[in-house]
Amino acid sequence: MGIKDQIGDKLQTAFAPTRLEVIDDSESHRGHAGFQEGGESHFNVVIRAAIFADMSRIQRHRAVHAALGPDLIGKIHALALDLAE
């Protein structure tokens, strides 16, 4: 299973979102630090989930990082998050 799918699975399980998009944006970073051939280094994630309603922006980001876990986070060079209720 690729990193994109792992991200999607973990976030779906943790947050039961009403909207979840995991976009591999690696190709647009070709030539930049962290780029790797084959992609799966730079991601944009959009999540809409009720669980975020009472969380601050920092709490939301921390929750996503905790859900992904240190092993998966360690494989990602860049992770842009758009998190809302």
PDB file of N, CA and C in Angstrom:
ATOM      1  N   MET A   1       0.861  -1.179   0.000  1.00  0.00           N
ATOM      2  CA  MET A   1       0.000   0.000   0.000  1.00  0.00           C
ATOM      3  C   MET A   1       0.901   1.234   0.000  1.00  0.00           C
ATOM      4  N   GLY A   2       0.580   2.193  -0.856  1.00  0.00           N
ATOM      5  CA  GLY A   2       1.355   3.413  -0.950  1.00  0.00           C
ATOM      6  C   GLY A   2       1.088   4.369   0.204  1.00  0.00           C
ATOM      7  N   ILE A   3       1.936   5.367   0.315  1.00  0.00           N
ATOM      8  CA  ILE A   3       1.811   6.342   1.393  1.00  0.00           C
ATOM      9  C   ILE A   3       0.490   7.097   1.297  1.00  0.00           C
ATOM     10  N   LYS A   4       0.083   7.479   0.101  1.00  0.00           N
ATOM     11  CA  LYS A   4      -1.180   8.196  -0.078  1.00  0.00           C
ATOM     12  C   LYS A   4      -2.344   7.383   0.483  1.00  0.00           C
ATOM     13  N   ASP A   5      -2.377   6.101   0.174  1.00  0.00           N
ATOM     14  CA  ASP A   5      -3.451   5.229   0.667  1.00  0.00           C
ATOM     15  C   ASP A   5      -3.374   5.052   2.177  1.00  0.00           C
ATOM     16  N   GLN A   6      -2.171   4.949   2.718  1.00  0.00           N
ATOM     17  CA  GLN A   6      -2.006   4.820   4.167  1.00  0.00           C
ATOM     18  C   GLN A   6      -2.532   6.062   4.877  1.00  0.00           C
ATOM     19  N   ILE A   7      -2.209   7.238   4.333  1.00  0.00           N
ATOM     20  CA  ILE A   7      -2.702   8.489   4.906  1.00  0.00           C
ATOM     21  C   ILE A   7      -4.230   8.482   4.907  1.00  0.00           C
ATOM     22  N   GLY A   8      -4.817   8.178   3.766  1.00  0.00           N
ATOM     23  CA  GLY A   8      -6.274   8.160   3.640  1.00  0.00           C
ATOM     24  C   GLY A   8      -6.931   7.189   4.609  1.00  0.00           C
ATOM     25  N   ASP A   9      -6.382   5.988   4.712  1.00  0.00           N
ATOM     26  CA  ASP A   9      -6.954   4.972   5.608  1.00  0.00           C
ATOM     27  C   ASP A   9      -6.899   5.410   7.068  1.00  0.00           C
ATOM     28  N   LYS A  10      -5.746   5.920   7.490  1.00  0.00           N
ATOM     29  CA  LYS A  10      -5.596   6.328   8.891  1.00  0.00           C
ATOM     30  C   LYS A  10      -6.506   7.506   9.236  1.00  0.00           C
ATOM     31  N   LEU A  11      -6.616   8.472   8.333  1.00  0.00           N
ATOM     32  CA  LEU A  11      -7.456   9.633   8.593  1.00  0.00           C
ATOM     33  C   LEU A  11      -8.942   9.276   8.569  1.00  0.00           C
ATOM     34  N   GLN A  12      -9.327   8.383   7.679  1.00  0.00           N
ATOM     35  CA  GLN A  12     -10.720   7.920   7.622  1.00  0.00           C
ATOM     36  C   GLN A  12     -11.095   7.226   8.928  1.00  0.00           C
ATOM     37  N   THR A  13     -10.219   6.379   9.413  1.00  0.00           N
ATOM     38  CA  THR A  13     -10.468   5.645  10.653  1.00  0.00           C
ATOM     39  C   THR A  13     -10.526   6.582  11.862  1.00  0.00           C
ATOM     40  N   ALA A  14      -9.599   7.531  11.922  1.00  0.00           N
ATOM     41  CA  ALA A  14      -9.493   8.400  13.095  1.00  0.00           C
ATOM     42  C   ALA A  14     -10.592   9.452  13.186  1.00  0.00           C
ATOM     43  N   PHE A  15     -11.040   9.982  12.029  1.00  0.00           N
ATOM     44  CA  PHE A  15     -11.920  11.151  12.060  1.00  0.00           C
ATOM     45  C   PHE A  15     -13.291  10.968  11.417  1.00  0.00           C
ATOM     46  N   ALA A  16     -13.541   9.860  10.731  1.00  0.00           N
ATOM     47  CA  ALA A  16     -14.811   9.642  10.028  1.00  0.00           C
ATOM     48  C   ALA A  16     -15.261  10.923   9.327  1.00  0.00           C
ATOM     49  N   PRO A  17     -14.424  11.444   8.434  1.00  0.00           N
ATOM     50  CA  PRO A  17     -14.718  12.743   7.822  1.00  0.00           C
ATOM     51  C   PRO A  17     -15.891  12.709   6.849  1.00  0.00           C
ATOM     52  N   THR A  18     -16.512  13.875   6.677  1.00  0.00           N
ATOM     53  CA  THR A  18     -17.542  14.024   5.656  1.00  0.00           C
ATOM     54  C   THR A  18     -16.892  14.320   4.308  1.00  0.00           C
ATOM     55  N   ARG A  19     -15.658  14.797   4.359  1.00  0.00           N
ATOM     56  CA  ARG A  19     -14.877  15.036   3.137  1.00  0.00           C
ATOM     57  C   ARG A  19     -13.419  14.722   3.458  1.00  0.00           C
ATOM     58  N   LEU A  20     -12.784  13.971   2.578  1.00  0.00           N
ATOM     59  CA  LEU A  20     -11.368  13.650   2.728  1.00  0.00           C
ATOM     60  C   LEU A  20     -10.727  13.598   1.354  1.00  0.00           C
ATOM     61  N   GLU A  21      -9.733  14.435   1.153  1.00  0.00           N
ATOM     62  CA  GLU A  21      -8.943  14.426  -0.078  1.00  0.00           C
ATOM     63  C   GLU A  21      -7.481  14.339   0.313  1.00  0.00           C
ATOM     64  N   VAL A  22      -6.788  13.376  -0.260  1.00  0.00           N
ATOM     65  CA  VAL A  22      -5.351  13.256  -0.076  1.00  0.00           C
ATOM     66  C   VAL A  22      -4.741  13.393  -1.465  1.00  0.00           C
ATOM     67  N   ILE A  23      -4.008  14.476  -1.662  1.00  0.00           N
ATOM     68  CA  ILE A  23      -3.467  14.804  -2.976  1.00  0.00           C
ATOM     69  C   ILE A  23      -1.952  14.696  -2.934  1.00  0.00           C
ATOM     70  N   ASP A  24      -1.392  13.851  -3.796  1.00  0.00           N
ATOM     71  CA  ASP A  24       0.056  13.730  -3.920  1.00  0.00           C
ATOM     72  C   ASP A  24       0.532  14.875  -4.812  1.00  0.00           C
ATOM     73  N   ASP A  25       1.156  15.854  -4.207  1.00  0.00           N
ATOM     74  CA  ASP A  25       1.606  17.058  -4.912  1.00  0.00           C
ATOM     75  C   ASP A  25       3.113  17.019  -5.175  1.00  0.00           C
ATOM     76  N   SER A  26       3.703  15.843  -5.116  1.00  0.00           N
ATOM     77  CA  SER A  26       5.153  15.691  -5.202  1.00  0.00           C
ATOM     78  C   SER A  26       5.732  16.208  -6.512  1.00  0.00           C
ATOM     79  N   GLU A  27       5.076  15.920  -7.613  1.00  0.00           N
ATOM     80  CA  GLU A  27       5.627  16.290  -8.924  1.00  0.00           C
ATOM     81  C   GLU A  27       5.838  17.795  -9.054  1.00  0.00           C
ATOM     82  N   SER A  28       5.000  18.592  -8.426  1.00  0.00           N
ATOM     83  CA  SER A  28       5.167  20.046  -8.532  1.00  0.00           C
ATOM     84  C   SER A  28       6.368  20.542  -7.723  1.00  0.00           C
ATOM     85  N   HIS A  29       7.003  19.639  -6.977  1.00  0.00           N
ATOM     86  CA  HIS A  29       8.176  19.998  -6.173  1.00  0.00           C
ATOM     87  C   HIS A  29       9.464  19.404  -6.742  1.00  0.00           C
ATOM     88  N   ARG A  30       9.405  18.948  -7.986  1.00  0.00           N
ATOM     89  CA  ARG A  30      10.590  18.382  -8.637  1.00  0.00           C
ATOM     90  C   ARG A  30      11.723  19.413  -8.583  1.00  0.00           C
ATOM     91  N   GLY A  31      12.880  18.958  -8.157  1.00  0.00           N
ATOM     92  CA  GLY A  31      14.043  19.837  -8.062  1.00  0.00           C
ATOM     93  C   GLY A  31      14.171  20.527  -6.709  1.00  0.00           C
ATOM     94  N   HIS A  32      13.165  20.402  -5.868  1.00  0.00           N
ATOM     95  CA  HIS A  32      13.208  21.006  -4.528  1.00  0.00           C
ATOM     96  C   HIS A  32      13.674  19.969  -3.515  1.00  0.00           C
ATOM     97  N   ALA A  33      14.008  20.445  -2.343  1.00  0.00           N
ATOM     98  CA  ALA A  33      14.434  19.549  -1.260  1.00  0.00           C
ATOM     99  C   ALA A  33      13.323  18.555  -0.946  1.00  0.00           C
ATOM    100  N   GLY A  34      13.711  17.329  -0.702  1.00  0.00           N
ATOM    101  CA  GLY A  34      12.752  16.318  -0.294  1.00  0.00           C
ATOM    102  C   GLY A  34      12.071  15.592  -1.438  1.00  0.00           C
ATOM    103  N   PHE A  35      12.219  16.086  -2.676  1.00  0.00           N
ATOM    104  CA  PHE A  35      11.578  15.409  -3.806  1.00  0.00           C
ATOM    105  C   PHE A  35      12.230  14.051  -4.007  1.00  0.00           C
ATOM    106  N   GLN A  36      11.400  13.060  -4.298  1.00  0.00           N
ATOM    107  CA  GLN A  36      11.925  11.746  -4.630  1.00  0.00           C
ATOM    108  C   GLN A  36      11.230  11.238  -5.881  1.00  0.00           C
ATOM    109  N   GLU A  37      11.978  10.568  -6.726  1.00  0.00           N
ATOM    110  CA  GLU A  37      11.400   9.987  -7.940  1.00  0.00           C
ATOM    111  C   GLU A  37      10.287   9.038  -7.543  1.00  0.00           C
ATOM    112  N   GLY A  38       9.195   9.086  -8.266  1.00  0.00           N
ATOM    113  CA  GLY A  38       8.052   8.226  -7.979  1.00  0.00           C
ATOM    114  C   GLY A  38       7.016   8.887  -7.090  1.00  0.00           C
ATOM    115  N   GLY A  39       7.338  10.095  -6.597  1.00  0.00           N
ATOM    116  CA  GLY A  39       6.359  10.842  -5.805  1.00  0.00           C
ATOM    117  C   GLY A  39       6.248  10.362  -4.378  1.00  0.00           C
ATOM    118  N   GLU A  40       5.085  10.646  -3.798  1.00  0.00           N
ATOM    119  CA  GLU A  40       4.766  10.284  -2.429  1.00  0.00           C
ATOM    120  C   GLU A  40       5.720  10.898  -1.405  1.00  0.00           C
ATOM    121  N   SER A  41       6.041  12.187  -1.623  1.00  0.00           N
ATOM    122  CA  SER A  41       6.874  12.910  -0.658  1.00  0.00           C
ATOM    123  C   SER A  41       6.192  14.184  -0.168  1.00  0.00           C
ATOM    124  N   HIS A  42       5.327  14.771  -0.995  1.00  0.00           N
ATOM    125  CA  HIS A  42       4.640  16.025  -0.684  1.00  0.00           C
ATOM    126  C   HIS A  42       3.129  15.813  -0.841  1.00  0.00           C
ATOM    127  N   PHE A  43       2.375  16.134   0.215  1.00  0.00           N
ATOM    128  CA  PHE A  43       0.934  15.892   0.176  1.00  0.00           C
ATOM    129  C   PHE A  43       0.143  17.112   0.629  1.00  0.00           C
ATOM    130  N   ASN A  44      -1.019  17.276   0.035  1.00  0.00           N
ATOM    131  CA  ASN A  44      -2.028  18.234   0.485  1.00  0.00           C
ATOM    132  C   ASN A  44      -3.211  17.400   0.957  1.00  0.00           C
ATOM    133  N   VAL A  45      -3.705  17.692   2.153  1.00  0.00           N
ATOM    134  CA  VAL A  45      -4.823  16.942   2.714  1.00  0.00           C
ATOM    135  C   VAL A  45      -5.931  17.916   3.095  1.00  0.00           C
ATOM    136  N   VAL A  46      -7.143  17.597   2.651  1.00  0.00           N
ATOM    137  CA  VAL A  46      -8.328  18.370   3.009  1.00  0.00           C
ATOM    138  C   VAL A  46      -9.241  17.436   3.802  1.00  0.00           C
ATOM    139  N   ILE A  47      -9.606  17.857   5.009  1.00  0.00           N
ATOM    140  CA  ILE A  47     -10.505  17.055   5.842  1.00  0.00           C
ATOM    141  C   ILE A  47     -11.608  17.956   6.388  1.00  0.00           C
ATOM    142  N   ARG A  48     -12.825  17.469   6.314  1.00  0.00           N
ATOM    143  CA  ARG A  48     -13.964  18.096   6.978  1.00  0.00           C
ATOM    144  C   ARG A  48     -14.543  17.039   7.912  1.00  0.00           C
ATOM    145  N   ALA A  49     -14.515  17.328   9.218  1.00  0.00           N
ATOM    146  CA  ALA A  49     -14.994  16.353  10.191  1.00  0.00           C
ATOM    147  C   ALA A  49     -15.556  17.064  11.409  1.00  0.00           C
ATOM    148  N   ALA A  50     -16.646  16.549  11.912  1.00  0.00           N
ATOM    149  CA  ALA A  50     -17.315  17.145  13.072  1.00  0.00           C
ATOM    150  C   ALA A  50     -16.414  17.170  14.296  1.00  0.00           C
ATOM    151  N   ILE A  51     -15.522  16.216  14.415  1.00  0.00           N
ATOM    152  CA  ILE A  51     -14.640  16.135  15.574  1.00  0.00           C
ATOM    153  C   ILE A  51     -13.774  17.392  15.738  1.00  0.00           C
ATOM    154  N   PHE A  52     -13.556  18.122  14.662  1.00  0.00           N
ATOM    155  CA  PHE A  52     -12.718  19.322  14.706  1.00  0.00           C
ATOM    156  C   PHE A  52     -13.448  20.546  15.265  1.00  0.00           C
ATOM    157  N   ALA A  53     -14.742  20.448  15.489  1.00  0.00           N
ATOM    158  CA  ALA A  53     -15.557  21.609  15.876  1.00  0.00           C
ATOM    159  C   ALA A  53     -15.032  22.351  17.095  1.00  0.00           C
ATOM    160  N   ASP A  54     -14.627  21.638  18.104  1.00  0.00           N
ATOM    161  CA  ASP A  54     -14.189  22.279  19.346  1.00  0.00           C
ATOM    162  C   ASP A  54     -12.672  22.330  19.496  1.00  0.00           C
ATOM    163  N   MET A  55     -11.948  22.124  18.409  1.00  0.00           N
ATOM    164  CA  MET A  55     -10.488  22.130  18.451  1.00  0.00           C
ATOM    165  C   MET A  55      -9.937  23.408  17.843  1.00  0.00           C
ATOM    166  N   SER A  56      -8.839  23.873  18.410  1.00  0.00           N
ATOM    167  CA  SER A  56      -8.118  24.988  17.799  1.00  0.00           C
ATOM    168  C   SER A  56      -7.351  24.468  16.578  1.00  0.00           C
ATOM    169  N   ARG A  57      -6.819  25.363  15.807  1.00  0.00           N
ATOM    170  CA  ARG A  57      -6.048  24.966  14.621  1.00  0.00           C
ATOM    171  C   ARG A  57      -4.875  24.070  15.023  1.00  0.00           C
ATOM    172  N   ILE A  58      -4.182  24.433  16.068  1.00  0.00           N
ATOM    173  CA  ILE A  58      -3.037  23.639  16.520  1.00  0.00           C
ATOM    174  C   ILE A  58      -3.486  22.260  16.993  1.00  0.00           C
ATOM    175  N   GLN A  59      -4.592  22.194  17.716  1.00  0.00           N
ATOM    176  CA  GLN A  59      -5.109  20.898  18.174  1.00  0.00           C
ATOM    177  C   GLN A  59      -5.485  20.004  16.991  1.00  0.00           C
ATOM    178  N   ARG A  60      -6.054  20.593  15.963  1.00  0.00           N
ATOM    179  CA  ARG A  60      -6.408  19.822  14.761  1.00  0.00           C
ATOM    180  C   ARG A  60      -5.161  19.233  14.107  1.00  0.00           C
ATOM    181  N   HIS A  61      -4.141  20.070  13.947  1.00  0.00           N
ATOM    182  CA  HIS A  61      -2.899  19.606  13.322  1.00  0.00           C
ATOM    183  C   HIS A  61      -2.252  18.509  14.162  1.00  0.00           C
ATOM    184  N   ARG A  62      -2.230  18.701  15.467  1.00  0.00           N
ATOM    185  CA  ARG A  62      -1.655  17.679  16.347  1.00  0.00           C
ATOM    186  C   ARG A  62      -2.441  16.377  16.271  1.00  0.00           C
ATOM    187  N   ALA A  63      -3.755  16.466  16.173  1.00  0.00           N
ATOM    188  CA  ALA A  63      -4.595  15.271  16.072  1.00  0.00           C
ATOM    189  C   ALA A  63      -4.300  14.502  14.789  1.00  0.00           C
ATOM    190  N   VAL A  64      -4.120  15.222  13.696  1.00  0.00           N
ATOM    191  CA  VAL A  64      -3.803  14.561  12.423  1.00  0.00           C
ATOM    192  C   VAL A  64      -2.435  13.890  12.514  1.00  0.00           C
ATOM    193  N   HIS A  65      -1.450  14.588  13.034  1.00  0.00           N
ATOM    194  CA  HIS A  65      -0.116  14.001  13.166  1.00  0.00           C
ATOM    195  C   HIS A  65      -0.148  12.770  14.074  1.00  0.00           C
ATOM    196  N   ALA A  66      -0.901  12.827  15.149  1.00  0.00           N
ATOM    197  CA  ALA A  66      -1.022  11.673  16.047  1.00  0.00           C
ATOM    198  C   ALA A  66      -1.699  10.503  15.337  1.00  0.00           C
ATOM    199  N   ALA A  67      -2.728  10.792  14.550  1.00  0.00           N
ATOM    200  CA  ALA A  67      -3.445   9.736  13.823  1.00  0.00           C
ATOM    201  C   ALA A  67      -2.540   9.057  12.800  1.00  0.00           C
ATOM    202  N   LEU A  68      -1.683   9.836  12.155  1.00  0.00           N
ATOM    203  CA  LEU A  68      -0.776   9.267  11.154  1.00  0.00           C
ATOM    204  C   LEU A  68       0.354   8.487  11.809  1.00  0.00           C
ATOM    205  N   GLY A  69       0.791   8.930  12.962  1.00  0.00           N
ATOM    206  CA  GLY A  69       1.852   8.234  13.690  1.00  0.00           C
ATOM    207  C   GLY A  69       3.241   8.612  13.208  1.00  0.00           C
ATOM    208  N   PRO A  70       4.226   8.449  14.076  1.00  0.00           N
ATOM    209  CA  PRO A  70       5.599   8.879  13.757  1.00  0.00           C
ATOM    210  C   PRO A  70       6.224   8.132  12.584  1.00  0.00           C
ATOM    211  N   ASP A  71       5.900   6.869  12.397  1.00  0.00           N
ATOM    212  CA  ASP A  71       6.491   6.116  11.290  1.00  0.00           C
ATOM    213  C   ASP A  71       6.060   6.667   9.940  1.00  0.00           C
ATOM    214  N   LEU A  72       4.760   6.926   9.793  1.00  0.00           N
ATOM    215  CA  LEU A  72       4.254   7.455   8.530  1.00  0.00           C
ATOM    216  C   LEU A  72       4.680   8.909   8.336  1.00  0.00           C
ATOM    217  N   ILE A  73       4.611   9.710   9.389  1.00  0.00           N
ATOM    218  CA  ILE A  73       5.046  11.111   9.295  1.00  0.00           C
ATOM    219  C   ILE A  73       6.508  11.175   8.857  1.00  0.00           C
ATOM    220  N   GLY A  74       7.326  10.241   9.327  1.00  0.00           N
ATOM    221  CA  GLY A  74       8.740  10.202   8.979  1.00  0.00           C
ATOM    222  C   GLY A  74       9.009   9.945   7.508  1.00  0.00           C
ATOM    223  N   LYS A  75       8.042   9.403   6.785  1.00  0.00           N
ATOM    224  CA  LYS A  75       8.195   9.112   5.358  1.00  0.00           C
ATOM    225  C   LYS A  75       7.751  10.280   4.474  1.00  0.00           C
ATOM    226  N   ILE A  76       7.139  11.297   5.077  1.00  0.00           N
ATOM    227  CA  ILE A  76       6.567  12.417   4.324  1.00  0.00           C
ATOM    228  C   ILE A  76       7.480  13.634   4.481  1.00  0.00           C
ATOM    229  N   HIS A  77       7.832  14.245   3.363  1.00  0.00           N
ATOM    230  CA  HIS A  77       8.667  15.451   3.441  1.00  0.00           C
ATOM    231  C   HIS A  77       7.840  16.691   3.762  1.00  0.00           C
ATOM    232  N   ALA A  78       6.662  16.804   3.142  1.00  0.00           N
ATOM    233  CA  ALA A  78       5.806  17.994   3.351  1.00  0.00           C
ATOM    234  C   ALA A  78       4.350  17.566   3.391  1.00  0.00           C
ATOM    235  N   LEU A  79       3.624  18.133   4.363  1.00  0.00           N
ATOM    236  CA  LEU A  79       2.212  17.802   4.557  1.00  0.00           C
ATOM    237  C   LEU A  79       1.445  19.102   4.810  1.00  0.00           C
ATOM    238  N   ALA A  80       0.676  19.533   3.820  1.00  0.00           N
ATOM    239  CA  ALA A  80      -0.155  20.734   3.951  1.00  0.00           C
ATOM    240  C   ALA A  80      -1.551  20.280   4.370  1.00  0.00           C
ATOM    241  N   LEU A  81      -2.078  20.896   5.435  1.00  0.00           N
ATOM    242  CA  LEU A  81      -3.357  20.482   5.981  1.00  0.00           C
ATOM    243  C   LEU A  81      -4.394  21.600   5.907  1.00  0.00           C
ATOM    244  N   ASP A  82      -5.571  21.251   5.391  1.00  0.00           N
ATOM    245  CA  ASP A  82      -6.732  22.136   5.362  1.00  0.00           C
ATOM    246  C   ASP A  82      -7.793  21.409   6.178  1.00  0.00           C
ATOM    247  N   LEU A  83      -7.944  21.818   7.451  1.00  0.00           N
ATOM    248  CA  LEU A  83      -8.791  21.101   8.400  1.00  0.00           C
ATOM    249  C   LEU A  83      -9.905  21.999   8.895  1.00  0.00           C
ATOM    250  N   ALA A  84     -11.127  21.509   8.829  1.00  0.00           N
ATOM    251  CA  ALA A  84     -12.277  22.285   9.303  1.00  0.00           C
ATOM    252  C   ALA A  84     -13.393  21.341   9.711  1.00  0.00           C
ATOM    253  N   GLU A  85     -14.372  21.925  10.365  1.00  0.00           N
ATOM    254  CA  GLU A  85     -15.554  21.183  10.802  1.00  0.00           C
ATOM    255  C   GLU A  85     -16.397  20.814   9.603  1.00  0.00           C
TER     256      GLU A  85
END
